[in-house]
Protein backbone atom coordinates (compact mmCIF):
# COMPACT_ATOMS: atom_id res chain seq x y z
CA MET A 1 -0.11 -0.04 -0.25
CA ALA A 2 2.90 2.36 0.96
CA THR A 3 4.74 1.64 -2.59
CA ILE A 4 1.08 2.46 -4.51
CA ILE A 5 0.92 5.89 -2.46
CA THR A 6 4.17 6.86 -3.60
CA ARG A 7 4.08 6.16 -7.05
CA CYS A 8 0.48 8.13 -7.14
CA SER A 9 2.69 10.85 -5.13
CA CYS A 10 5.28 11.02 -7.44
CA CYS A 11 3.11 11.16 -10.30
CA ALA A 12 0.90 13.78 -8.75
CA ALA A 13 3.92 16.01 -8.61
CA LEU A 14 5.39 14.97 -11.90
CA CYS A 15 1.69 16.33 -13.19
CA LEU A 16 1.63 18.90 -11.52
CA ALA A 17 5.08 20.27 -12.56
CA ALA A 18 4.35 20.33 -16.13
CA GLY A 19 0.94 22.11 -15.82
CA CYS A 20 3.30 24.60 -14.54
CA HIS A 21 4.48 25.82 -17.70
CA ALA A 22 2.44 27.61 -20.29
CA ILE A 23 2.25 25.84 -23.84
CA TYR A 24 2.75 28.75 -26.21
CA TYR A 25 0.84 27.46 -29.85
CA SER A 26 2.41 29.01 -32.93
CA PRO A 27 -0.18 29.18 -36.21
CA ALA A 28 1.11 28.32 -39.38
CA PRO A 29 1.29 32.36 -40.91
CA MET A 30 -1.06 33.36 -43.18
CA PRO A 31 0.22 35.56 -46.47
CA VAL A 32 -0.60 38.95 -46.24
CA PHE A 33 -3.06 40.56 -48.76
CA ARG A 34 -0.87 42.73 -51.19
CA GLN A 35 2.23 42.28 -48.92
CA HIS A 36 4.81 41.80 -51.85
CA GLU A 37 3.69 45.77 -52.87
CA ALA A 38 4.65 47.13 -49.53
CA VAL A 39 8.01 45.23 -49.14
CA ASP A 40 10.03 47.35 -51.04
CA SER A 41 8.61 50.61 -49.66
CA PRO A 42 11.55 53.30 -48.71
CA LEU A 43 9.89 54.75 -45.72
CA SER A 44 11.67 53.91 -42.67
CA VAL A 45 9.62 52.78 -39.21
CA ASP A 46 10.05 50.60 -36.89
CA PRO A 47 10.88 46.73 -37.60
CA VAL A 48 7.70 44.83 -38.11
CA GLN A 49 7.09 41.34 -39.12
CA GLN A 50 6.44 41.67 -42.60
CA GLY A 51 4.85 38.99 -45.33
CA THR A 52 2.76 36.66 -42.90
CA VAL A 53 -0.32 36.97 -40.58
CA GLY A 54 0.66 34.60 -37.17
CA THR A 55 2.02 34.40 -33.64
CA ASP A 56 3.59 37.83 -33.54
CA VAL A 57 1.56 40.64 -35.31
CA ARG A 58 3.10 43.88 -34.23
CA VAL A 59 2.17 47.35 -35.43
CA ALA A 60 4.36 50.23 -35.27
CA SER A 61 2.12 53.43 -33.52
CA ASP A 62 1.73 56.63 -35.37
CA ALA A 63 4.52 58.70 -33.12
CA THR A 64 7.08 55.97 -34.98
CA VAL A 65 5.25 56.17 -38.35
CA ALA A 66 4.24 59.32 -38.89
CA PRO A 67 7.49 61.60 -38.83
CA ALA A 68 9.30 59.17 -41.25
CA ALA A 69 6.16 59.04 -43.76
CA PRO A 70 6.51 61.35 -46.35
CA THR A 71 4.23 64.26 -47.34
CA ALA A 72 3.24 62.48 -50.58
CA VAL A 73 2.45 59.01 -50.46
CA SER A 74 2.39 56.60 -53.79
CA LEU A 75 -0.13 54.28 -53.49
CA GLN A 76 2.65 51.28 -52.49
CA GLU A 77 3.91 53.76 -49.60
CA ALA A 78 -0.23 53.74 -48.61
CA ILE A 79 -0.29 49.59 -48.93
CA HIS A 80 2.49 49.64 -46.50
CA LEU A 81 1.49 52.49 -44.12
CA CYS A 82 -2.03 50.76 -43.71
CA ILE A 83 -0.32 46.97 -43.15
CA VAL A 84 1.99 48.56 -40.45
CA ALA A 85 0.60 51.72 -38.82
CA ASN A 86 -3.52 50.86 -39.26
CA LEU A 87 -4.90 51.10 -36.02
CA THR A 88 -8.15 48.97 -37.00
CA ILE A 89 -5.46 46.30 -37.87
CA ARG A 90 -3.70 46.84 -34.67
CA ALA A 91 -6.42 46.25 -32.93
CA GLY A 92 -7.72 43.16 -34.89
CA SER A 93 -4.58 41.97 -34.26
CA GLU A 94 -4.98 40.60 -30.55
CA LYS A 95 -7.66 38.54 -31.63
CA ILE A 96 -4.67 36.70 -32.05
CA ALA A 97 -2.93 36.72 -28.71
CA GLN A 98 -6.19 36.33 -26.83
CA ALA A 99 -6.62 33.02 -28.79
CA GLN A 100 -3.40 32.30 -27.83
CA GLY A 101 -4.40 33.21 -24.20
CA ASP A 102 -7.25 30.72 -24.03
CA PHE A 103 -5.02 27.86 -25.59
CA THR A 104 -2.60 28.53 -22.65
CA GLN A 105 -5.05 28.65 -20.33
CA ALA A 106 -6.71 24.98 -22.06
CA SER A 107 -3.03 23.61 -21.72
CA LEU A 108 -3.20 24.28 -17.95
CA ILE A 109 -3.23 21.25 -15.55
CA PRO A 110 -6.12 21.85 -12.59
CA ASN A 111 -4.39 23.22 -9.66
CA PRO A 112 -4.65 20.61 -6.65
CA THR A 113 -5.97 21.61 -3.66
CA LEU A 114 -4.84 21.98 -0.21
CA LEU A 115 -6.41 20.96 3.16
CA LEU A 116 -5.18 21.84 6.44
CA ASP A 117 -7.61 20.71 9.69
CA THR A 118 -6.91 20.56 13.56
CA LEU A 119 -10.07 18.30 14.58
CA LEU A 120 -11.50 16.55 18.40
CA ASN A 121 -10.01 19.32 20.15
CA PRO A 122 -11.22 19.50 24.13
CA PHE A 123 -12.80 22.95 24.50
CA PRO A 124 -11.16 25.96 26.68
CA GLY A 125 -10.76 25.45 30.11
CA SER A 126 -10.78 21.71 29.74
CA ARG A 127 -8.64 18.79 28.82
CA PHE A 128 -8.23 15.39 28.14
CA THR A 129 -6.76 12.58 31.15
CA PRO A 130 -6.47 9.08 30.34
CA GLN A 131 -8.90 9.29 33.82
CA ARG A 132 -11.26 11.81 30.92
CA GLN A 133 -10.18 10.07 27.83
CA GLY A 134 -11.33 12.29 24.53
CA GLY A 135 -10.08 13.11 20.94
CA PRO A 136 -7.20 12.58 20.92
CA PRO A 137 -7.04 16.21 18.90
CA GLN A 138 -5.64 14.91 15.02
CA GLN A 139 -4.20 17.45 12.34
CA ASP A 140 -4.78 16.70 8.76
CA LEU A 141 -3.11 17.67 5.62
CA ALA A 142 -4.59 16.32 2.31
CA VAL A 143 -3.84 17.50 -1.06
CA THR A 144 -6.49 16.75 -3.62
CA PHE A 145 -5.07 15.99 -7.32
CA PRO A 146 -7.97 16.23 -9.90
CA ILE A 147 -7.11 13.75 -12.41
CA ASP A 148 -9.77 12.76 -14.63
CA TRP A 149 -8.06 15.59 -17.37
CA CYS A 150 -5.49 12.77 -17.41
CA LEU A 151 -7.61 10.08 -17.50
CA PHE A 152 -10.44 10.93 -19.82
CA GLY A 153 -8.41 12.97 -22.17
CA LYS A 154 -10.57 16.76 -21.11
CA ARG A 155 -7.17 18.56 -21.79
CA VAL A 156 -6.05 17.18 -25.28
CA ALA A 157 -9.16 17.81 -26.04
CA ALA A 158 -9.97 21.65 -24.15
CA MET A 159 -6.33 22.68 -26.17
CA GLU A 160 -7.14 20.95 -29.75
CA ALA A 161 -10.41 23.34 -29.79
CA ALA A 162 -8.06 26.39 -28.53
CA ARG A 163 -5.98 25.60 -30.81
CA LEU A 164 -8.17 25.97 -33.90
CA GLY A 165 -9.61 29.05 -32.75
CA VAL A 166 -5.95 30.20 -33.24
CA ASP A 167 -6.11 29.63 -36.34
CA VAL A 168 -9.33 30.98 -36.90
CA ALA A 169 -8.39 34.16 -35.54
CA THR A 170 -5.29 34.23 -37.53
CA ALA A 171 -7.37 34.12 -40.54
CA ASP A 172 -9.60 36.74 -39.54
CA VAL A 173 -6.77 38.85 -38.87
CA ALA A 174 -5.86 38.18 -42.76
CA ASN A 175 -9.37 39.01 -43.94
CA LEU A 176 -9.35 42.49 -41.63
CA ILE A 177 -6.11 43.39 -43.73
CA ARG A 178 -7.76 42.55 -46.97
CA LEU A 179 -10.45 44.48 -46.72
CA GLN A 180 -8.62 48.02 -44.80
CA VAL A 181 -5.81 47.36 -47.61
CA THR A 182 -8.52 47.84 -50.43
CA ASP A 183 -10.17 50.46 -48.73
CA THR A 184 -6.69 52.22 -48.70
CA ALA A 185 -6.34 51.77 -52.22
CA VAL A 186 -9.52 53.07 -53.09
CA ALA A 187 -9.28 56.18 -50.87
CA PHE A 188 -5.80 56.15 -52.70
CA TYR A 189 -7.39 57.16 -55.95
CA ASP A 190 -10.68 58.72 -54.16
CA VAL A 191 -7.75 61.79 -53.74
CA LEU A 192 -5.89 61.44 -56.91
CA GLU A 193 -9.95 61.88 -58.68
CA ALA A 194 -10.73 65.32 -56.20
CA LYS A 195 -7.30 66.19 -57.51
CA ALA A 196 -7.65 65.40 -60.72
CA LEU A 197 -10.95 67.09 -60.86
CA LEU A 198 -9.59 70.39 -58.63
CA ASP A 199 -7.32 70.81 -61.52
CA ILE A 200 -10.11 70.63 -63.96
CA ALA A 201 -12.17 73.73 -61.69
CA ARG A 202 -8.57 75.49 -61.99
CA LEU A 203 -8.65 75.50 -65.78
CA ASP A 204 -12.21 75.93 -65.75
CA LEU A 205 -12.05 79.06 -63.33
CA ALA A 206 -8.98 80.46 -64.95
CA ASP A 207 -10.56 80.37 -68.48
CA ALA A 208 -14.04 82.21 -67.15
CA LYS A 209 -11.98 85.13 -66.10
CA LYS A 210 -10.51 84.78 -69.57
CA ILE A 211 -13.74 84.97 -70.90
CA GLU A 212 -15.04 87.79 -68.59
CA SER A 213 -11.43 89.59 -69.25
CA ILE A 214 -12.43 89.73 -72.99
CA THR A 215 -16.13 90.39 -72.63
CA GLU A 216 -15.25 93.47 -70.70
CA ARG A 217 -12.83 94.53 -73.87
CA LEU A 218 -15.57 93.78 -75.91
CA VAL A 219 -18.47 95.73 -74.46
CA LYS A 220 -16.07 98.81 -74.25
CA GLY A 221 -15.45 98.31 -77.91
CA GLY A 222 -19.28 98.60 -78.13
CA GLU A 223 -19.46 95.24 -79.96
CA LEU A 224 -21.35 93.32 -77.17
CA ALA A 225 -24.23 94.88 -74.90
CA GLY A 226 -23.62 95.67 -71.52
CA ILE A 227 -25.65 92.90 -69.88
CA GLU A 228 -22.85 90.28 -71.35
CA LYS A 229 -20.36 91.59 -69.24
CA ASP A 230 -22.70 90.49 -66.35
CA ARG A 231 -22.94 87.38 -67.46
CA ALA A 232 -19.59 86.92 -68.12
CA ARG A 233 -19.35 87.60 -64.31
CA LEU A 234 -22.51 85.36 -63.29
CA VAL A 235 -19.86 82.58 -65.53
CA THR A 236 -16.85 83.61 -63.34
CA LEU A 237 -18.33 82.85 -59.80
CA ASP A 238 -19.97 80.05 -60.96
CA ALA A 239 -16.77 78.65 -61.59
CA GLN A 240 -15.30 80.05 -58.41
CA ARG A 241 -18.20 78.15 -56.59
CA GLU A 242 -17.46 74.93 -58.24
CA PHE A 243 -13.22 75.64 -57.46
CA ARG A 244 -14.24 76.13 -53.58
CA ARG A 245 -16.55 72.60 -53.85
CA ARG A 246 -13.80 70.89 -55.41
CA GLU A 247 -11.21 71.86 -52.80
CA MET A 248 -13.17 71.02 -50.09
CA ASN A 249 -13.79 67.43 -51.86
CA VAL A 250 -10.30 66.82 -51.71
CA ARG A 251 -9.76 67.75 -48.05
CA VAL A 252 -12.53 65.48 -47.23
CA ALA A 253 -11.13 62.86 -49.42
CA LYS A 254 -7.72 63.23 -47.75
CA ALA A 255 -9.35 63.17 -44.08
CA LYS A 256 -11.00 59.55 -45.44
CA LEU A 257 -7.47 58.31 -45.92
CA ALA A 258 -5.29 60.13 -43.28
CA PRO A 259 -7.15 57.11 -40.56
CA LEU A 260 -6.30 54.11 -43.17
CA LEU A 261 -2.87 55.41 -42.46
CA GLY A 262 -2.41 54.68 -39.35
CA ARG A 263 -2.75 58.70 -38.70
CA CYS A 264 -4.66 59.87 -35.03
CA SER A 265 -5.87 63.03 -36.68
CA PRO A 266 -5.90 64.41 -40.59
CA THR A 267 -2.95 66.47 -41.40
CA PRO A 268 -2.68 68.93 -43.43
CA ASP A 269 0.65 67.84 -45.05
CA LEU A 270 -0.84 64.61 -45.94
CA ASP A 271 -1.46 64.50 -50.37
CA VAL A 272 -0.80 61.51 -52.91
CA ARG A 273 0.98 61.13 -55.49
CA GLY A 274 0.52 59.19 -58.62
CA GLU A 275 -1.41 59.65 -61.65
CA LEU A 276 -4.95 57.81 -63.13
CA ASP A 277 -3.39 57.37 -66.44
CA ILE A 278 -3.60 53.83 -67.62
CA ALA A 279 -0.62 52.32 -70.05
CA GLU A 280 -3.08 49.25 -70.54
CA PRO A 281 -6.08 47.89 -69.66
CA ALA A 282 -5.79 44.86 -67.74
CA ALA A 283 -7.12 41.63 -69.15
CA LEU A 284 -9.62 40.52 -66.72
CA PRO A 285 -9.44 36.46 -65.10
CA GLU A 286 -12.10 34.52 -66.56
CA LEU A 287 -15.13 34.26 -63.73
CA CYS A 288 -15.34 30.72 -62.98
CA ALA A 289 -11.75 30.50 -62.37
CA ALA A 290 -12.04 33.56 -60.30
CA MET A 291 -14.45 32.15 -57.97
CA GLU A 292 -12.23 29.13 -57.87
CA ILE A 293 -9.37 31.46 -55.99
CA ALA A 294 -11.12 33.20 -53.95
CA GLU A 295 -12.66 30.37 -52.67
CA GLN A 296 -9.69 28.85 -52.01
CA GLN A 297 -7.36 31.86 -51.12
CA ARG A 298 -10.00 34.22 -49.48
CA PRO A 299 -9.01 34.77 -45.66
CA ASP A 300 -12.69 34.97 -44.60
CA MET A 301 -13.44 31.55 -46.66
CA ILE A 302 -10.46 30.00 -44.93
CA ALA A 303 -11.62 31.20 -41.28
CA LEU A 304 -15.45 29.94 -42.05
CA ASN A 305 -13.95 26.42 -43.63
CA ARG A 306 -11.89 26.35 -40.07
CA ARG A 307 -14.53 27.39 -37.82
CA ILE A 308 -16.32 24.15 -39.14
CA VAL A 309 -13.46 21.78 -38.06
CA MET A 310 -13.32 23.76 -34.68
CA ALA A 311 -16.93 23.48 -34.01
CA GLU A 312 -16.26 19.86 -34.74
CA ALA A 313 -13.77 19.88 -31.98
CA GLU A 314 -15.64 22.14 -29.85
CA ILE A 315 -18.45 19.09 -29.43
CA TYR A 316 -15.58 16.80 -28.70
CA ARG A 317 -14.23 18.66 -25.88
CA GLU A 318 -18.00 19.23 -24.36
CA ARG A 319 -18.73 15.31 -24.79
CA LYS A 320 -15.67 14.80 -22.64
CA LYS A 321 -16.69 16.82 -20.21
CA GLY A 322 -19.75 15.10 -19.98
CA TYR A 323 -17.02 12.65 -17.89
CA PRO A 324 -17.31 12.11 -14.64
CA GLU A 325 -14.86 14.70 -12.15
CA VAL A 326 -12.17 11.78 -10.59
CA ASN A 327 -9.79 13.21 -7.73
CA ILE A 328 -7.20 11.31 -5.74
CA GLN A 329 -6.05 12.62 -2.36
CA PRO A 330 -3.01 11.93 -0.21
CA VAL A 331 -4.09 12.20 3.58
CA PHE A 332 -1.53 12.64 6.39
CA THR A 333 -2.81 12.62 9.88
CA ASN A 334 -0.99 13.53 13.53
CA GLN A 335 -2.69 12.17 16.49
CA THR A 336 -1.98 13.77 19.74
CA GLN A 337 -2.32 11.23 22.42
CA GLY A 338 0.34 12.33 25.34
CA ASP A 339 -2.68 13.54 27.02
CA ILE A 340 -4.34 10.51 27.92
CA GLY A 341 -1.22 8.31 28.15
CA PHE A 342 -0.38 7.14 24.91
CA PRO A 343 2.46 7.87 22.14
CA ASP A 344 1.52 10.44 19.44
CA ALA A 345 0.56 8.34 16.18
CA GLN A 346 0.99 9.23 12.78
CA THR A 347 -1.21 8.00 9.90
CA TYR A 348 -1.61 8.43 6.35
CA GLY A 349 -4.84 7.31 3.93
CA LEU A 350 -5.56 7.58 0.66
CA VAL A 351 -9.03 8.64 -0.65
CA LEU A 352 -10.26 8.79 -4.24
CA THR A 353 -13.35 10.87 -5.07
CA THR A 354 -15.69 10.88 -8.41
CA THR A 355 -18.80 12.34 -9.43
CA LEU A 356 -21.55 10.31 -10.40
CA PRO A 357 -23.09 11.57 -14.08
CA PHE A 358 -26.80 10.24 -13.58
CA SER A 359 -28.55 12.75 -14.83
CA ASP A 360 -26.09 15.78 -15.63
CA ARG A 361 -23.58 14.29 -18.73
CA ASN A 362 -23.32 17.86 -20.18
CA GLN A 363 -26.29 17.12 -22.88
CA GLY A 364 -26.91 21.10 -22.80
CA ASN A 365 -23.79 22.30 -24.10
CA ILE A 366 -23.24 19.03 -26.20
CA ALA A 367 -26.21 20.02 -27.96
CA LYS A 368 -25.08 23.99 -28.09
CA ALA A 369 -22.02 22.89 -30.17
CA MET A 370 -23.56 20.71 -32.46
CA SER A 371 -25.79 23.82 -32.57
CA VAL A 372 -22.55 25.95 -33.49
CA GLN A 373 -21.40 23.33 -36.09
CA ARG A 374 -24.83 23.21 -37.95
CA GLU A 375 -24.88 27.15 -37.96
CA ALA A 376 -20.65 27.73 -39.10
CA ILE A 377 -21.56 24.86 -42.13
CA ALA A 378 -24.88 27.27 -42.88
CA ARG A 379 -23.08 30.36 -42.62
CA LEU A 380 -20.32 28.78 -44.84
CA GLN A 381 -22.60 28.25 -47.65
CA GLY A 382 -24.10 31.36 -47.22
CA GLU A 383 -20.80 33.76 -47.70
CA LEU A 384 -20.27 31.18 -50.66
CA ALA A 385 -22.99 32.14 -52.45
CA ILE A 386 -22.29 36.41 -51.10
CA MET A 387 -18.78 35.42 -52.29
CA ARG A 388 -19.33 34.15 -55.75
CA SER A 389 -21.72 37.25 -56.09
CA GLU A 390 -19.27 39.90 -55.09
CA VAL A 391 -16.65 38.26 -57.33
CA LYS A 392 -19.35 38.25 -60.44
CA GLN A 393 -20.62 41.74 -59.57
CA ALA A 394 -16.21 42.99 -59.24
CA VAL A 395 -15.98 41.64 -62.73
CA ASP A 396 -18.84 42.92 -64.14
CA SER A 397 -17.90 46.40 -63.15
CA THR A 398 -13.77 46.34 -63.88
CA GLU A 399 -15.08 45.12 -67.14
CA ALA A 400 -17.92 47.65 -67.56
CA ALA A 401 -14.75 50.35 -66.30
CA ARG A 402 -12.51 49.15 -68.91
CA ASP A 403 -14.99 49.15 -71.63
CA ILE A 404 -15.63 53.20 -70.80
CA VAL A 405 -12.14 53.75 -70.54
CA LEU A 406 -11.34 51.80 -73.95
CA ARG A 407 -13.93 53.96 -75.45
CA ASP A 408 -12.88 57.08 -74.17
CA ASP A 409 -11.39 58.34 -77.62
CA PRO A 410 -8.31 60.72 -76.14
CA ALA A 411 -9.27 62.43 -79.94
CA MET A 412 -12.17 63.26 -78.38
CA VAL A 413 -10.66 65.35 -75.92
CA ASP A 414 -8.52 66.98 -78.06
CA MET A 415 -11.70 67.96 -80.79
CA ALA A 416 -13.80 69.09 -77.74
CA ARG A 417 -10.71 71.61 -77.14
CA ALA A 418 -9.98 72.71 -80.34
CA VAL A 419 -14.00 73.77 -80.56
CA ARG A 420 -13.32 75.39 -77.73
CA ASP A 421 -10.32 77.31 -78.78
CA LYS A 422 -12.11 78.15 -82.50
CA THR A 423 -15.15 79.73 -80.53
CA GLU A 424 -13.11 81.67 -77.87
CA LEU A 425 -11.20 82.86 -81.07
CA ALA A 426 -14.63 83.85 -82.97
CA PHE A 427 -16.07 85.68 -79.55
CA SER A 428 -13.01 87.54 -79.16
CA LYS A 429 -13.54 89.36 -82.61
CA GLY A 430 -17.05 89.90 -81.98
CA GLN A 431 -18.16 86.85 -84.40
CA ASP A 432 -19.50 84.72 -81.98
CA SER A 433 -22.15 84.68 -79.05
CA LEU A 434 -21.11 84.55 -75.08
CA LEU A 435 -23.63 81.61 -74.96
CA ASN A 436 -21.83 79.44 -77.73
CA LEU A 437 -18.87 79.75 -75.83
CA VAL A 438 -19.98 78.97 -72.78
CA ILE A 439 -21.17 76.12 -73.98
CA THR A 440 -18.27 74.61 -75.60
CA GLN A 441 -16.30 75.67 -72.74
CA ARG A 442 -18.16 73.36 -70.39
CA ALA A 443 -18.51 70.46 -73.17
CA TYR A 444 -14.73 70.43 -73.11
CA LEU A 445 -15.03 70.48 -69.56
CA ASP A 446 -17.32 68.30 -69.21
CA ARG A 447 -15.14 65.67 -71.33
CA LEU A 448 -12.50 66.04 -69.18
CA ARG A 449 -14.34 65.49 -65.55
CA LEU A 450 -15.82 62.35 -67.62
CA SER A 451 -12.24 61.01 -68.59
CA ALA A 452 -10.62 61.90 -65.18
CA SER A 453 -13.64 60.22 -63.03
CA ALA A 454 -13.67 57.11 -65.76
CA LYS A 455 -10.39 56.65 -64.92
CA ALA A 456 -10.77 56.36 -61.12
CA ASP A 457 -13.55 54.12 -61.75
CA TYR A 458 -11.43 51.74 -63.61
CA TRP A 459 -8.44 52.07 -60.84
CA ARG A 460 -11.00 51.59 -57.87
CA SER A 461 -12.56 48.83 -59.72
CA LEU A 462 -9.38 46.80 -60.61
CA GLN A 463 -8.92 47.13 -56.22
CA ARG A 464 -12.19 45.41 -55.26
CA LEU A 465 -11.45 43.12 -58.11
CA ASN A 466 -8.44 42.18 -56.53
CA ALA A 467 -10.08 42.23 -52.97
CA ALA A 468 -12.99 40.47 -54.08
CA VAL A 469 -10.67 37.51 -55.40
CA GLY A 470 -8.53 37.67 -52.27
CA GLY A 471 -5.22 38.30 -54.62
CA LEU A 472 -3.57 40.27 -57.07
CA THR A 473 -5.30 39.06 -60.97
CA VAL A 474 -3.71 41.78 -62.75
CA PRO A 475 -1.25 41.40 -65.54
CA ALA A 476 1.82 43.40 -65.19
CA ALA A 477 1.58 44.78 -68.85
CA SER A 478 -1.15 46.50 -67.30
CA LEU A 479 1.13 48.47 -65.38
CA PRO A 480 2.70 52.16 -66.38
CA GLU A 481 6.17 51.76 -67.91
CA THR A 482 7.41 54.22 -65.68
CA LEU A 483 7.11 51.71 -62.98
CA PRO A 484 8.51 48.21 -61.67
CA ALA A 485 5.94 46.09 -62.16
CA PRO A 486 5.49 44.17 -58.68
CA LYS A 487 5.01 40.62 -58.27
CA LEU A 488 1.98 38.79 -59.46
CA GLY A 489 1.17 41.62 -61.92
CA ALA A 490 -0.47 43.93 -59.11
CA PRO A 491 -2.12 47.09 -60.87
CA GLY A 492 0.65 49.09 -58.91
CA ASP A 493 1.43 52.82 -57.90
CA PRO A 494 -0.19 54.78 -61.93
CA GLY A 495 3.26 56.44 -61.62
CA SER A 496 3.86 60.07 -60.59
């Protein structure tokens, strides 16, 4: 018996020592969406683990990134700043650490319970004697060790479910980065479009002032009626109002971009560097191929599949929880018998306690876990349908934007400019009316605005297509020749 107790005590001590060391799980890293476009960025920031989303996702603080960031960022630099400094990504990446904490907690062995007591003591003012025996006083030392985690595999089941939770969190963070990077790229082209429209408004204002000056000269020469001067002034006022509106749009677009780059507040010096010109419209992927790629590599799809596996592990864990709780308790007892004429006695014992799972076998939590698994399967099916619809919309919108760009003949802009110039020359000689000049001027400016917006729509739809597929699908031939083509044929920075 002594040998059995000794062996049990040694095993319990070894298990206790093993449980004192926390176990750390490092999940398989996932690629960061469009990371390769940022690794060559010249920005100077604190070292950050780049290229994967995994166990050590560290994001540089705004204080370290903002001073090193240039006032005018390219698309690659904007993506780089988004990945390393975006506050939403920084907050979301904590989910991985939280899931790792759950895994560490699941790996810990339950704590033993210590019992110290003193029993059968006489009341104060009285004592036990050989003639008036009692007791004898007894002191117990007992340590209870739970062993059901080992007997029934409860700890292993809990660790497996928590490990899969870390994998799910890793995929969720990768999907968050995908969404934030896409929002950054779209906001980047929003600023470029706003700046292009501001330049057009500036040109409109300069032309309106020029028309007003010509009108004043013609009115003074008696070639036009005085009311034409007032009409020309109204045209200038409209151009000034449009210019101020476009200026406000640029500030609004920059304000939307600032938080995506990790800036805590919009700064006046924030600007973007690039052009909307398109070297060559991209050849779009086939719809079926794009859907297949998205299903395989989009991190949200990966996360949903991992949730199903995790739900299955949760069911297994809950079933293990339904097994009885088993505790082993070595007991050491000391009996003080000197007052009653006997020597003190030391004894030991071994107690085994267990619950009897007659009614509570964790049925409710098992049913709940099974429902969570069914929910995960249904959610995956629903998200697959949404994903396919999203990919189709992205392909269709990109194809439509590309067709508009292809049909947008630059010669039409030159033609509108030539008509405007001829009408302006005729007006300056008093051979045409102010109304015709304003009409031709508006037609020319509208053509410029439509061309700039069409190019911006093309770039934005391309960003959304890459996000919908979960990877870069644009061939390198579509990039401006002035820039090196990133790997995998990203749309890249339109140049500066």
